[in-house]
Amino acid sequence: RKKVGRKGDGVFRLHKDRLEFGAIEAGRDWEGQCGSKIITDSLKICKMLKDMLNQLAIECNMKENHVRKLRVVGMLQSGNRMQVITADLSKGYVTRIR
């Protein structure tokens, strides 16, 4: 059977609790800002970060003061370029990607 969810190139997690708080997507070559690989990887990592935030919010029992402090990080690497992406739940259920 196939696992449900997205599979990235790397995941940051706590070993004991299996809580995920970061992801990595890597590409071999830089195709430019509008290359298909960078676009698909950036969309994929944003979805992964959103899923991680939702899972961490559930672990916090959806307590608003704890949920607003949550932040996950993603790294998008392509060729010799690297982009760091952060995501948080600043205003409730809306995920903010920076």
C-alpha atoms as a PDB file:
ATOM      1  CA  ARG A   1       0.000   0.000   0.000  1.00  0.00           C
ATOM      2  CA  LYS A   2       1.092   3.543  -0.669  1.00  0.00           C
ATOM      3  CA  LYS A   3       1.517   5.940   2.218  1.00  0.00           C
ATOM      4  CA  VAL A   4      -0.775   8.948   2.348  1.00  0.00           C
ATOM      5  CA  GLY A   5       0.841  12.378   2.155  1.00  0.00           C
ATOM      6  CA  ARG A   6       3.781  13.979   0.419  1.00  0.00           C
ATOM      7  CA  LYS A   7       7.298  12.679   0.426  1.00  0.00           C
ATOM      8  CA  GLY A   8      10.068  15.249   0.411  1.00  0.00           C
ATOM      9  CA  ASP A   9      13.807  14.848   0.034  1.00  0.00           C
ATOM     10  CA  GLY A  10      14.374  15.452   3.736  1.00  0.00           C
ATOM     11  CA  VAL A  11      12.419  16.043   6.942  1.00  0.00           C
ATOM     12  CA  PHE A  12      13.459  17.547  10.290  1.00  0.00           C
ATOM     13  CA  ARG A  13      11.807  15.708  13.141  1.00  0.00           C
ATOM     14  CA  LEU A  14      12.146  14.730  16.771  1.00  0.00           C
ATOM     15  CA  HIS A  15      13.052  11.061  16.927  1.00  0.00           C
ATOM     16  CA  LYS A  16      11.209  10.179  20.111  1.00  0.00           C
ATOM     17  CA  ASP A  17       7.878  11.913  19.412  1.00  0.00           C
ATOM     18  CA  ARG A  18       8.055  11.762  15.609  1.00  0.00           C
ATOM     19  CA  LEU A  19       7.019  15.420  15.414  1.00  0.00           C
ATOM     20  CA  GLU A  20       8.042  17.039  12.135  1.00  0.00           C
ATOM     21  CA  PHE A  21       9.085  20.688  12.063  1.00  0.00           C
ATOM     22  CA  GLY A  22      10.946  21.195   8.779  1.00  0.00           C
ATOM     23  CA  ALA A  23      11.440  19.910   5.246  1.00  0.00           C
ATOM     24  CA  ILE A  24      14.026  19.956   2.455  1.00  0.00           C
ATOM     25  CA  GLU A  25      13.533  19.770  -1.305  1.00  0.00           C
ATOM     26  CA  ALA A  26      16.604  19.557  -3.520  1.00  0.00           C
ATOM     27  CA  GLY A  27      17.145  19.778  -7.240  1.00  0.00           C
ATOM     28  CA  ARG A  28      20.252  19.034  -9.208  1.00  0.00           C
ATOM     29  CA  ASP A  29      20.300  21.941 -11.666  1.00  0.00           C
ATOM     30  CA  TRP A  30      19.135  25.560 -11.579  1.00  0.00           C
ATOM     31  CA  GLU A  31      16.646  26.046 -14.427  1.00  0.00           C
ATOM     32  CA  GLY A  32      15.927  29.684 -13.671  1.00  0.00           C
ATOM     33  CA  GLN A  33      13.274  31.395 -11.567  1.00  0.00           C
ATOM     34  CA  CYS A  34      10.471  30.103 -13.808  1.00  0.00           C
ATOM     35  CA  GLY A  35      11.797  26.565 -14.250  1.00  0.00           C
ATOM     36  CA  SER A  36       9.261  23.784 -13.834  1.00  0.00           C
ATOM     37  CA  LYS A  37      11.315  21.968 -11.162  1.00  0.00           C
ATOM     38  CA  ILE A  38      11.593  24.993  -8.850  1.00  0.00           C
ATOM     39  CA  ILE A  39       7.882  25.775  -9.214  1.00  0.00           C
ATOM     40  CA  THR A  40       6.709  22.230  -8.458  1.00  0.00           C
ATOM     41  CA  ASP A  41       9.169  21.856  -5.560  1.00  0.00           C
ATOM     42  CA  SER A  42       8.131  25.173  -3.998  1.00  0.00           C
ATOM     43  CA  LEU A  43       4.447  24.233  -4.168  1.00  0.00           C
ATOM     44  CA  LYS A  44       5.213  20.798  -2.748  1.00  0.00           C
ATOM     45  CA  ILE A  45       7.237  22.135   0.180  1.00  0.00           C
ATOM     46  CA  CYS A  46       4.567  24.726   1.025  1.00  0.00           C
ATOM     47  CA  LYS A  47       1.957  21.965   1.238  1.00  0.00           C
ATOM     48  CA  MET A  48       4.281  19.861   3.392  1.00  0.00           C
ATOM     49  CA  LEU A  49       4.876  22.776   5.778  1.00  0.00           C
ATOM     50  CA  LYS A  50       1.136  23.405   6.063  1.00  0.00           C
ATOM     51  CA  ASP A  51       0.531  19.752   6.946  1.00  0.00           C
ATOM     52  CA  MET A  52       3.304  19.896   9.558  1.00  0.00           C
ATOM     53  CA  LEU A  53       1.831  23.027  11.134  1.00  0.00           C
ATOM     54  CA  ASN A  54      -1.603  21.442  11.315  1.00  0.00           C
ATOM     55  CA  GLN A  55      -0.172  18.341  13.002  1.00  0.00           C
ATOM     56  CA  LEU A  56       1.790  20.445  15.507  1.00  0.00           C
ATOM     57  CA  ALA A  57      -1.360  22.470  16.254  1.00  0.00           C
ATOM     58  CA  ILE A  58      -3.198  19.235  17.036  1.00  0.00           C
ATOM     59  CA  GLU A  59      -0.340  18.220  19.357  1.00  0.00           C
ATOM     60  CA  CYS A  60      -0.792  21.575  21.167  1.00  0.00           C
ATOM     61  CA  ASN A  61      -4.504  20.750  21.646  1.00  0.00           C
ATOM     62  CA  MET A  62      -5.323  23.755  19.435  1.00  0.00           C
ATOM     63  CA  LYS A  63      -4.542  26.209  22.261  1.00  0.00           C
ATOM     64  CA  GLU A  64      -4.466  29.579  20.554  1.00  0.00           C
ATOM     65  CA  ASN A  65      -1.543  31.084  22.465  1.00  0.00           C
ATOM     66  CA  HIS A  66       0.629  28.031  21.672  1.00  0.00           C
ATOM     67  CA  VAL A  67      -0.505  27.661  18.054  1.00  0.00           C
ATOM     68  CA  ARG A  68       0.383  31.270  17.220  1.00  0.00           C
ATOM     69  CA  LYS A  69       3.977  30.652  18.352  1.00  0.00           C
ATOM     70  CA  LEU A  70       4.473  27.628  16.085  1.00  0.00           C
ATOM     71  CA  ARG A  71       6.806  28.018  13.130  1.00  0.00           C
ATOM     72  CA  VAL A  72       8.208  25.452  10.690  1.00  0.00           C
ATOM     73  CA  VAL A  73      11.057  25.887   8.228  1.00  0.00           C
ATOM     74  CA  GLY A  74      11.681  24.575   4.740  1.00  0.00           C
ATOM     75  CA  MET A  75      14.785  24.651   2.573  1.00  0.00           C
ATOM     76  CA  LEU A  76      14.572  24.664  -1.199  1.00  0.00           C
ATOM     77  CA  GLN A  77      17.895  23.913  -2.896  1.00  0.00           C
ATOM     78  CA  SER A  78      18.476  23.940  -6.631  1.00  0.00           C
ATOM     79  CA  GLY A  79      21.927  23.834  -8.185  1.00  0.00           C
ATOM     80  CA  ASN A  80      24.053  26.262  -6.199  1.00  0.00           C
ATOM     81  CA  ARG A  81      21.094  28.327  -4.939  1.00  0.00           C
ATOM     82  CA  MET A  82      19.232  27.936  -1.686  1.00  0.00           C
ATOM     83  CA  GLN A  83      15.976  29.445  -0.447  1.00  0.00           C
ATOM     84  CA  VAL A  84      14.725  29.280   3.137  1.00  0.00           C
ATOM     85  CA  ILE A  85      10.952  29.266   3.618  1.00  0.00           C
ATOM     86  CA  THR A  86       9.154  29.698   6.943  1.00  0.00           C
ATOM     87  CA  ALA A  87       5.493  29.044   7.668  1.00  0.00           C
ATOM     88  CA  ASP A  88       3.338  29.939  10.639  1.00  0.00           C
ATOM     89  CA  LEU A  89      -0.301  30.250  11.700  1.00  0.00           C
ATOM     90  CA  SER A  90      -0.423  33.929  12.579  1.00  0.00           C
ATOM     91  CA  LYS A  91      -4.177  34.534  12.381  1.00  0.00           C
ATOM     92  CA  GLY A  92      -5.860  31.244  13.139  1.00  0.00           C
ATOM     93  CA  TYR A  93      -6.363  28.806  10.273  1.00  0.00           C
ATOM     94  CA  VAL A  94      -4.576  30.816   7.557  1.00  0.00           C
ATOM     95  CA  THR A  95      -1.028  29.595   6.898  1.00  0.00           C
ATOM     96  CA  ARG A  96       1.468  32.378   6.195  1.00  0.00           C
ATOM     97  CA  ILE A  97       4.439  31.457   3.991  1.00  0.00           C
ATOM     98  CA  ARG A  98       7.505  33.709   3.894  1.00  0.00           C
END
